[in-house]
Amino acid sequence: EYFRKEGKVIGPLHGLPISVKSQFPIKG
């Protein structure tokens, strides 16, 4: 939605799926 409205990405990793190891907390 941001890309559609602004015509640009929010940062260099915009939309990149990233998995992390169990030890790193992710909310929820």
PDB file of all heavy atoms in Angstrom:
ATOM      1  N   GLU A   1       0.839  -1.204   0.000  1.00  0.00           N
ATOM      2  CA  GLU A   1       0.000   0.000   0.000  1.00  0.00           C
ATOM      3  C   GLU A   1       0.872   1.252   0.000  1.00  0.00           C
ATOM      4  O   GLU A   1       0.578   2.229  -0.699  1.00  0.00           O
ATOM      5  CB  GLU A   1      -0.925  -0.011   1.214  1.00  0.00           C
ATOM      6  CG  GLU A   1      -1.873   1.180   1.316  1.00  0.00           C
ATOM      7  CD  GLU A   1      -2.859   1.265   0.168  1.00  0.00           C
ATOM      8  OE1 GLU A   1      -3.025   0.262  -0.567  1.00  0.00           O
ATOM      9  OE2 GLU A   1      -3.475   2.325  -0.005  1.00  0.00           O
ATOM     10  N   TYR A   2       1.942   1.226   0.783  1.00  0.00           N
ATOM     11  CA  TYR A   2       2.872   2.361   0.812  1.00  0.00           C
ATOM     12  C   TYR A   2       3.489   2.565  -0.574  1.00  0.00           C
ATOM     13  O   TYR A   2       3.576   3.699  -1.076  1.00  0.00           O
ATOM     14  CB  TYR A   2       3.972   2.120   1.847  1.00  0.00           C
ATOM     15  CG  TYR A   2       5.008   3.219   1.901  1.00  0.00           C
ATOM     16  CD1 TYR A   2       4.863   4.300   2.769  1.00  0.00           C
ATOM     17  CD2 TYR A   2       6.152   3.180   1.088  1.00  0.00           C
ATOM     18  CE1 TYR A   2       5.806   5.324   2.813  1.00  0.00           C
ATOM     19  CE2 TYR A   2       7.100   4.192   1.126  1.00  0.00           C
ATOM     20  CZ  TYR A   2       6.916   5.259   1.992  1.00  0.00           C
ATOM     21  OH  TYR A   2       7.851   6.268   2.023  1.00  0.00           O
ATOM     22  N   PHE A   3       3.920   1.484  -1.202  1.00  0.00           N
ATOM     23  CA  PHE A   3       4.525   1.576  -2.528  1.00  0.00           C
ATOM     24  C   PHE A   3       3.519   2.107  -3.545  1.00  0.00           C
ATOM     25  O   PHE A   3       3.876   2.915  -4.428  1.00  0.00           O
ATOM     26  CB  PHE A   3       5.034   0.205  -2.964  1.00  0.00           C
ATOM     27  CG  PHE A   3       5.793   0.209  -4.260  1.00  0.00           C
ATOM     28  CD1 PHE A   3       7.132   0.553  -4.301  1.00  0.00           C
ATOM     29  CD2 PHE A   3       5.164  -0.144  -5.455  1.00  0.00           C
ATOM     30  CE1 PHE A   3       7.839   0.561  -5.497  1.00  0.00           C
ATOM     31  CE2 PHE A   3       5.861  -0.137  -6.651  1.00  0.00           C
ATOM     32  CZ  PHE A   3       7.204   0.218  -6.675  1.00  0.00           C
ATOM     33  N   ARG A   4       2.274   1.674  -3.435  1.00  0.00           N
ATOM     34  CA  ARG A   4       1.242   2.130  -4.370  1.00  0.00           C
ATOM     35  C   ARG A   4       1.000   3.629  -4.231  1.00  0.00           C
ATOM     36  O   ARG A   4       0.855   4.347  -5.230  1.00  0.00           O
ATOM     37  CB  ARG A   4      -0.057   1.372  -4.122  1.00  0.00           C
ATOM     38  CG  ARG A   4      -1.170   1.672  -5.127  1.00  0.00           C
ATOM     39  CD  ARG A   4      -2.467   1.011  -4.739  1.00  0.00           C
ATOM     40  NE  ARG A   4      -3.035   1.613  -3.527  1.00  0.00           N
ATOM     41  CZ  ARG A   4      -3.695   2.769  -3.514  1.00  0.00           C
ATOM     42  NH1 ARG A   4      -3.887   3.448  -4.640  1.00  0.00           N
ATOM     43  NH2 ARG A   4      -4.183   3.234  -2.386  1.00  0.00           N
ATOM     44  N   LYS A   5       0.984   4.111  -3.000  1.00  0.00           N
ATOM     45  CA  LYS A   5       0.694   5.532  -2.750  1.00  0.00           C
ATOM     46  C   LYS A   5       1.894   6.435  -3.017  1.00  0.00           C
ATOM     47  O   LYS A   5       1.765   7.524  -3.585  1.00  0.00           O
ATOM     48  CB  LYS A   5       0.221   5.716  -1.307  1.00  0.00           C
ATOM     49  CG  LYS A   5      -1.160   5.171  -1.028  1.00  0.00           C
ATOM     50  CD  LYS A   5      -1.569   5.471   0.417  1.00  0.00           C
ATOM     51  CE  LYS A   5      -2.985   5.009   0.689  1.00  0.00           C
ATOM     52  NZ  LYS A   5      -3.400   5.284   2.090  1.00  0.00           N
ATOM     53  N   GLU A   6       3.067   5.997  -2.572  1.00  0.00           N
ATOM     54  CA  GLU A   6       4.262   6.849  -2.622  1.00  0.00           C
ATOM     55  C   GLU A   6       5.131   6.607  -3.852  1.00  0.00           C
ATOM     56  O   GLU A   6       5.978   7.441  -4.184  1.00  0.00           O
ATOM     57  CB  GLU A   6       5.106   6.637  -1.359  1.00  0.00           C
ATOM     58  CG  GLU A   6       4.354   6.876  -0.058  1.00  0.00           C
ATOM     59  CD  GLU A   6       3.901   8.314   0.087  1.00  0.00           C
ATOM     60  OE1 GLU A   6       4.561   9.211  -0.469  1.00  0.00           O
ATOM     61  OE2 GLU A   6       2.886   8.540   0.786  1.00  0.00           O
ATOM     62  N   GLY A   7       4.983   5.448  -4.481  1.00  0.00           N
ATOM     63  CA  GLY A   7       5.786   5.163  -5.656  1.00  0.00           C
ATOM     64  C   GLY A   7       7.234   4.866  -5.357  1.00  0.00           C
ATOM     65  O   GLY A   7       8.103   4.964  -6.235  1.00  0.00           O
ATOM     66  N   LYS A   8       7.523   4.479  -4.123  1.00  0.00           N
ATOM     67  CA  LYS A   8       8.891   4.156  -3.725  1.00  0.00           C
ATOM     68  C   LYS A   8       8.859   3.159  -2.575  1.00  0.00           C
ATOM     69  O   LYS A   8       7.821   2.935  -1.942  1.00  0.00           O
ATOM     70  CB  LYS A   8       9.651   5.411  -3.290  1.00  0.00           C
ATOM     71  CG  LYS A   8       9.026   6.119  -2.092  1.00  0.00           C
ATOM     72  CD  LYS A   8       9.816   7.376  -1.720  1.00  0.00           C
ATOM     73  CE  LYS A   8       9.195   8.060  -0.495  1.00  0.00           C
ATOM     74  NZ  LYS A   8       9.957   9.282  -0.124  1.00  0.00           N
ATOM     75  N   VAL A   9      10.015   2.555  -2.299  1.00  0.00           N
ATOM     76  CA  VAL A   9      10.124   1.598  -1.200  1.00  0.00           C
ATOM     77  C   VAL A   9      10.467   2.334   0.086  1.00  0.00           C
ATOM     78  O   VAL A   9      10.974   3.460   0.059  1.00  0.00           O
ATOM     79  CB  VAL A   9      11.191   0.530  -1.499  1.00  0.00           C
ATOM     80  CG1 VAL A   9      10.776  -0.301  -2.708  1.00  0.00           C
ATOM     81  CG2 VAL A   9      12.566   1.172  -1.736  1.00  0.00           C
ATOM     82  N   ILE A  10      10.202   1.689   1.223  1.00  0.00           N
ATOM     83  CA  ILE A  10      10.496   2.343   2.503  1.00  0.00           C
ATOM     84  C   ILE A  10      11.942   2.150   2.930  1.00  0.00           C
ATOM     85  O   ILE A  10      12.430   2.845   3.821  1.00  0.00           O
ATOM     86  CB  ILE A  10       9.566   1.839   3.627  1.00  0.00           C
ATOM     87  CG1 ILE A  10       9.882   0.378   3.980  1.00  0.00           C
ATOM     88  CG2 ILE A  10       8.107   1.995   3.242  1.00  0.00           C
ATOM     89  CD1 ILE A  10       9.215  -0.078   5.255  1.00  0.00           C
ATOM     90  N   GLY A  11      12.623   1.186   2.306  1.00  0.00           N
ATOM     91  CA  GLY A  11      14.011   0.918   2.665  1.00  0.00           C
ATOM     92  C   GLY A  11      14.592  -0.128   1.748  1.00  0.00           C
ATOM     93  O   GLY A  11      13.888  -0.706   0.907  1.00  0.00           O
ATOM     94  N   PRO A  12      15.876  -0.428   1.877  1.00  0.00           N
ATOM     95  CA  PRO A  12      16.550  -1.360   0.966  1.00  0.00           C
ATOM     96  C   PRO A  12      16.059  -2.799   1.043  1.00  0.00           C
ATOM     97  O   PRO A  12      16.311  -3.588   0.129  1.00  0.00           O
ATOM     98  CB  PRO A  12      18.021  -1.258   1.383  1.00  0.00           C
ATOM     99  CG  PRO A  12      17.983  -0.788   2.804  1.00  0.00           C
ATOM    100  CD  PRO A  12      16.807   0.138   2.874  1.00  0.00           C
ATOM    101  N   LEU A  13      15.358  -3.161   2.123  1.00  0.00           N
ATOM    102  CA  LEU A  13      14.847  -4.529   2.269  1.00  0.00           C
ATOM    103  C   LEU A  13      13.335  -4.600   2.076  1.00  0.00           C
ATOM    104  O   LEU A  13      12.706  -5.583   2.463  1.00  0.00           O
ATOM    105  CB  LEU A  13      15.220  -5.093   3.644  1.00  0.00           C
ATOM    106  CG  LEU A  13      16.706  -5.122   3.990  1.00  0.00           C
ATOM    107  CD1 LEU A  13      16.924  -5.751   5.369  1.00  0.00           C
ATOM    108  CD2 LEU A  13      17.509  -5.864   2.937  1.00  0.00           C
ATOM    109  N   HIS A  14      12.757  -3.582   1.469  1.00  0.00           N
ATOM    110  CA  HIS A  14      11.307  -3.482   1.296  1.00  0.00           C
ATOM    111  C   HIS A  14      10.733  -4.771   0.692  1.00  0.00           C
ATOM    112  O   HIS A  14      11.025  -5.133  -0.437  1.00  0.00           O
ATOM    113  CB  HIS A  14      10.995  -2.303   0.370  1.00  0.00           C
ATOM    114  CG  HIS A  14       9.537  -2.051   0.163  1.00  0.00           C
ATOM    115  ND1 HIS A  14       8.905  -0.923   0.632  1.00  0.00           N
ATOM    116  CD2 HIS A  14       8.571  -2.771  -0.464  1.00  0.00           C
ATOM    117  CE1 HIS A  14       7.630  -0.951   0.300  1.00  0.00           C
ATOM    118  NE2 HIS A  14       7.408  -2.083  -0.371  1.00  0.00           N
ATOM    119  N   GLY A  15       9.907  -5.473   1.498  1.00  0.00           N
ATOM    120  CA  GLY A  15       9.217  -6.668   1.021  1.00  0.00           C
ATOM    121  C   GLY A  15      10.018  -7.946   1.040  1.00  0.00           C
ATOM    122  O   GLY A  15       9.500  -8.998   0.641  1.00  0.00           O
ATOM    123  N   LEU A  16      11.258  -7.910   1.506  1.00  0.00           N
ATOM    124  CA  LEU A  16      12.092  -9.107   1.500  1.00  0.00           C
ATOM    125  C   LEU A  16      11.689 -10.063   2.625  1.00  0.00           C
ATOM    126  O   LEU A  16      11.774  -9.705   3.796  1.00  0.00           O
ATOM    127  CB  LEU A  16      13.564  -8.735   1.665  1.00  0.00           C
ATOM    128  CG  LEU A  16      14.545  -9.910   1.676  1.00  0.00           C
ATOM    129  CD1 LEU A  16      14.572 -10.604   0.312  1.00  0.00           C
ATOM    130  CD2 LEU A  16      15.942  -9.462   2.076  1.00  0.00           C
ATOM    131  N   PRO A  17      11.253 -11.283   2.320  1.00  0.00           N
ATOM    132  CA  PRO A  17      10.925 -12.255   3.374  1.00  0.00           C
ATOM    133  C   PRO A  17      12.196 -12.713   4.082  1.00  0.00           C
ATOM    134  O   PRO A  17      13.163 -13.126   3.425  1.00  0.00           O
ATOM    135  CB  PRO A  17      10.271 -13.402   2.605  1.00  0.00           C
ATOM    136  CG  PRO A  17       9.914 -12.837   1.266  1.00  0.00           C
ATOM    137  CD  PRO A  17      10.971 -11.817   0.975  1.00  0.00           C
ATOM    138  N   ILE A  18      12.212 -12.639   5.390  1.00  0.00           N
ATOM    139  CA  ILE A  18      13.379 -13.041   6.168  1.00  0.00           C
ATOM    140  C   ILE A  18      12.951 -13.971   7.300  1.00  0.00           C
ATOM    141  O   ILE A  18      12.032 -13.672   8.058  1.00  0.00           O
ATOM    142  CB  ILE A  18      14.118 -11.820   6.758  1.00  0.00           C
ATOM    143  CG1 ILE A  18      14.779 -11.004   5.636  1.00  0.00           C
ATOM    144  CG2 ILE A  18      15.164 -12.249   7.776  1.00  0.00           C
ATOM    145  CD1 ILE A  18      15.602  -9.833   6.124  1.00  0.00           C
ATOM    146  N   SER A  19      13.634 -15.100   7.408  1.00  0.00           N
ATOM    147  CA  SER A  19      13.444 -16.010   8.541  1.00  0.00           C
ATOM    148  C   SER A  19      14.567 -15.761   9.534  1.00  0.00           C
ATOM    149  O   SER A  19      15.654 -15.338   9.149  1.00  0.00           O
ATOM    150  CB  SER A  19      13.469 -17.463   8.069  1.00  0.00           C
ATOM    151  OG  SER A  19      14.710 -17.764   7.437  1.00  0.00           O
ATOM    152  N   VAL A  20      14.300 -16.008  10.819  1.00  0.00           N
ATOM    153  CA  VAL A  20      15.325 -15.841  11.849  1.00  0.00           C
ATOM    154  C   VAL A  20      15.346 -17.061  12.755  1.00  0.00           C
ATOM    155  O   VAL A  20      14.360 -17.782  12.872  1.00  0.00           O
ATOM    156  CB  VAL A  20      15.107 -14.562  12.698  1.00  0.00           C
ATOM    157  CG1 VAL A  20      15.189 -13.320  11.839  1.00  0.00           C
ATOM    158  CG2 VAL A  20      13.777 -14.625  13.428  1.00  0.00           C
ATOM    159  N   LYS A  21      16.488 -17.266  13.383  1.00  0.00           N
ATOM    160  CA  LYS A  21      16.637 -18.378  14.312  1.00  0.00           C
ATOM    161  C   LYS A  21      15.751 -18.184  15.538  1.00  0.00           C
ATOM    162  O   LYS A  21      15.376 -17.062  15.894  1.00  0.00           O
ATOM    163  CB  LYS A  21      18.092 -18.505  14.742  1.00  0.00           C
ATOM    164  CG  LYS A  21      19.022 -18.952  13.635  1.00  0.00           C
ATOM    165  CD  LYS A  21      20.483 -18.836  14.046  1.00  0.00           C
ATOM    166  CE  LYS A  21      20.824 -19.799  15.153  1.00  0.00           C
ATOM    167  NZ  LYS A  21      22.287 -19.786  15.442  1.00  0.00           N
ATOM    168  N   SER A  22      15.466 -19.278  16.197  1.00  0.00           N
ATOM    169  CA  SER A  22      14.573 -19.291  17.354  1.00  0.00           C
ATOM    170  C   SER A  22      14.985 -18.308  18.443  1.00  0.00           C
ATOM    171  O   SER A  22      14.139 -17.746  19.140  1.00  0.00           O
ATOM    172  CB  SER A  22      14.507 -20.702  17.928  1.00  0.00           C
ATOM    173  OG  SER A  22      13.786 -20.749  19.127  1.00  0.00           O
ATOM    174  N   GLN A  23      16.296 -18.087  18.602  1.00  0.00           N
ATOM    175  CA  GLN A  23      16.787 -17.273  19.716  1.00  0.00           C
ATOM    176  C   GLN A  23      16.422 -15.799  19.617  1.00  0.00           C
ATOM    177  O   GLN A  23      16.423 -15.088  20.617  1.00  0.00           O
ATOM    178  CB  GLN A  23      18.309 -17.382  19.810  1.00  0.00           C
ATOM    179  CG  GLN A  23      19.043 -16.622  18.705  1.00  0.00           C
ATOM    180  CD  GLN A  23      20.490 -16.956  18.615  1.00  0.00           C
ATOM    181  OE1 GLN A  23      20.865 -17.964  18.033  1.00  0.00           O
ATOM    182  NE2 GLN A  23      21.322 -16.118  19.176  1.00  0.00           N
ATOM    183  N   PHE A  24      16.108 -15.305  18.410  1.00  0.00           N
ATOM    184  CA  PHE A  24      15.842 -13.886  18.222  1.00  0.00           C
ATOM    185  C   PHE A  24      14.359 -13.584  18.434  1.00  0.00           C
ATOM    186  O   PHE A  24      13.522 -14.047  17.664  1.00  0.00           O
ATOM    187  CB  PHE A  24      16.266 -13.431  16.827  1.00  0.00           C
ATOM    188  CG  PHE A  24      17.744 -13.555  16.579  1.00  0.00           C
ATOM    189  CD1 PHE A  24      18.240 -14.525  15.725  1.00  0.00           C
ATOM    190  CD2 PHE A  24      18.636 -12.705  17.212  1.00  0.00           C
ATOM    191  CE1 PHE A  24      19.606 -14.648  15.498  1.00  0.00           C
ATOM    192  CE2 PHE A  24      19.998 -12.810  16.987  1.00  0.00           C
ATOM    193  CZ  PHE A  24      20.483 -13.783  16.142  1.00  0.00           C
ATOM    194  N   PRO A  25      14.007 -12.790  19.451  1.00  0.00           N
ATOM    195  CA  PRO A  25      12.600 -12.504  19.723  1.00  0.00           C
ATOM    196  C   PRO A  25      11.904 -11.733  18.601  1.00  0.00           C
ATOM    197  O   PRO A  25      12.426 -10.730  18.107  1.00  0.00           O
ATOM    198  CB  PRO A  25      12.654 -11.663  21.005  1.00  0.00           C
ATOM    199  CG  PRO A  25      13.941 -12.033  21.658  1.00  0.00           C
ATOM    200  CD  PRO A  25      14.888 -12.259  20.522  1.00  0.00           C
ATOM    201  N   ILE A  26      10.744 -12.229  18.204  1.00  0.00           N
ATOM    202  CA  ILE A  26       9.829 -11.536  17.308  1.00  0.00           C
ATOM    203  C   ILE A  26       8.499 -11.443  18.041  1.00  0.00           C
ATOM    204  O   ILE A  26       7.998 -12.452  18.534  1.00  0.00           O
ATOM    205  CB  ILE A  26       9.636 -12.287  15.978  1.00  0.00           C
ATOM    206  CG1 ILE A  26      10.936 -12.287  15.165  1.00  0.00           C
ATOM    207  CG2 ILE A  26       8.520 -11.654  15.155  1.00  0.00           C
ATOM    208  CD1 ILE A  26      10.813 -13.023  13.838  1.00  0.00           C
ATOM    209  N   LYS A  27       7.941 -10.269  18.114  1.00  0.00           N
ATOM    210  CA  LYS A  27       6.702 -10.070  18.860  1.00  0.00           C
ATOM    211  C   LYS A  27       5.620 -11.035  18.390  1.00  0.00           C
ATOM    212  O   LYS A  27       5.321 -11.128  17.209  1.00  0.00           O
ATOM    213  CB  LYS A  27       6.214  -8.631  18.705  1.00  0.00           C
ATOM    214  CG  LYS A  27       4.977  -8.319  19.525  1.00  0.00           C
ATOM    215  CD  LYS A  27       4.567  -6.855  19.378  1.00  0.00           C
ATOM    216  CE  LYS A  27       3.326  -6.549  20.215  1.00  0.00           C
ATOM    217  NZ  LYS A  27       2.923  -5.123  20.085  1.00  0.00           N
ATOM    218  N   GLY A  28       5.062 -11.792  19.341  1.00  0.00           N
ATOM    219  CA  GLY A  28       3.985 -12.719  19.045  1.00  0.00           C
ATOM    220  C   GLY A  28       4.425 -14.093  18.599  1.00  0.00           C
ATOM    221  O   GLY A  28       3.589 -14.980  18.426  1.00  0.00           O
TER     222      GLY A  28
END
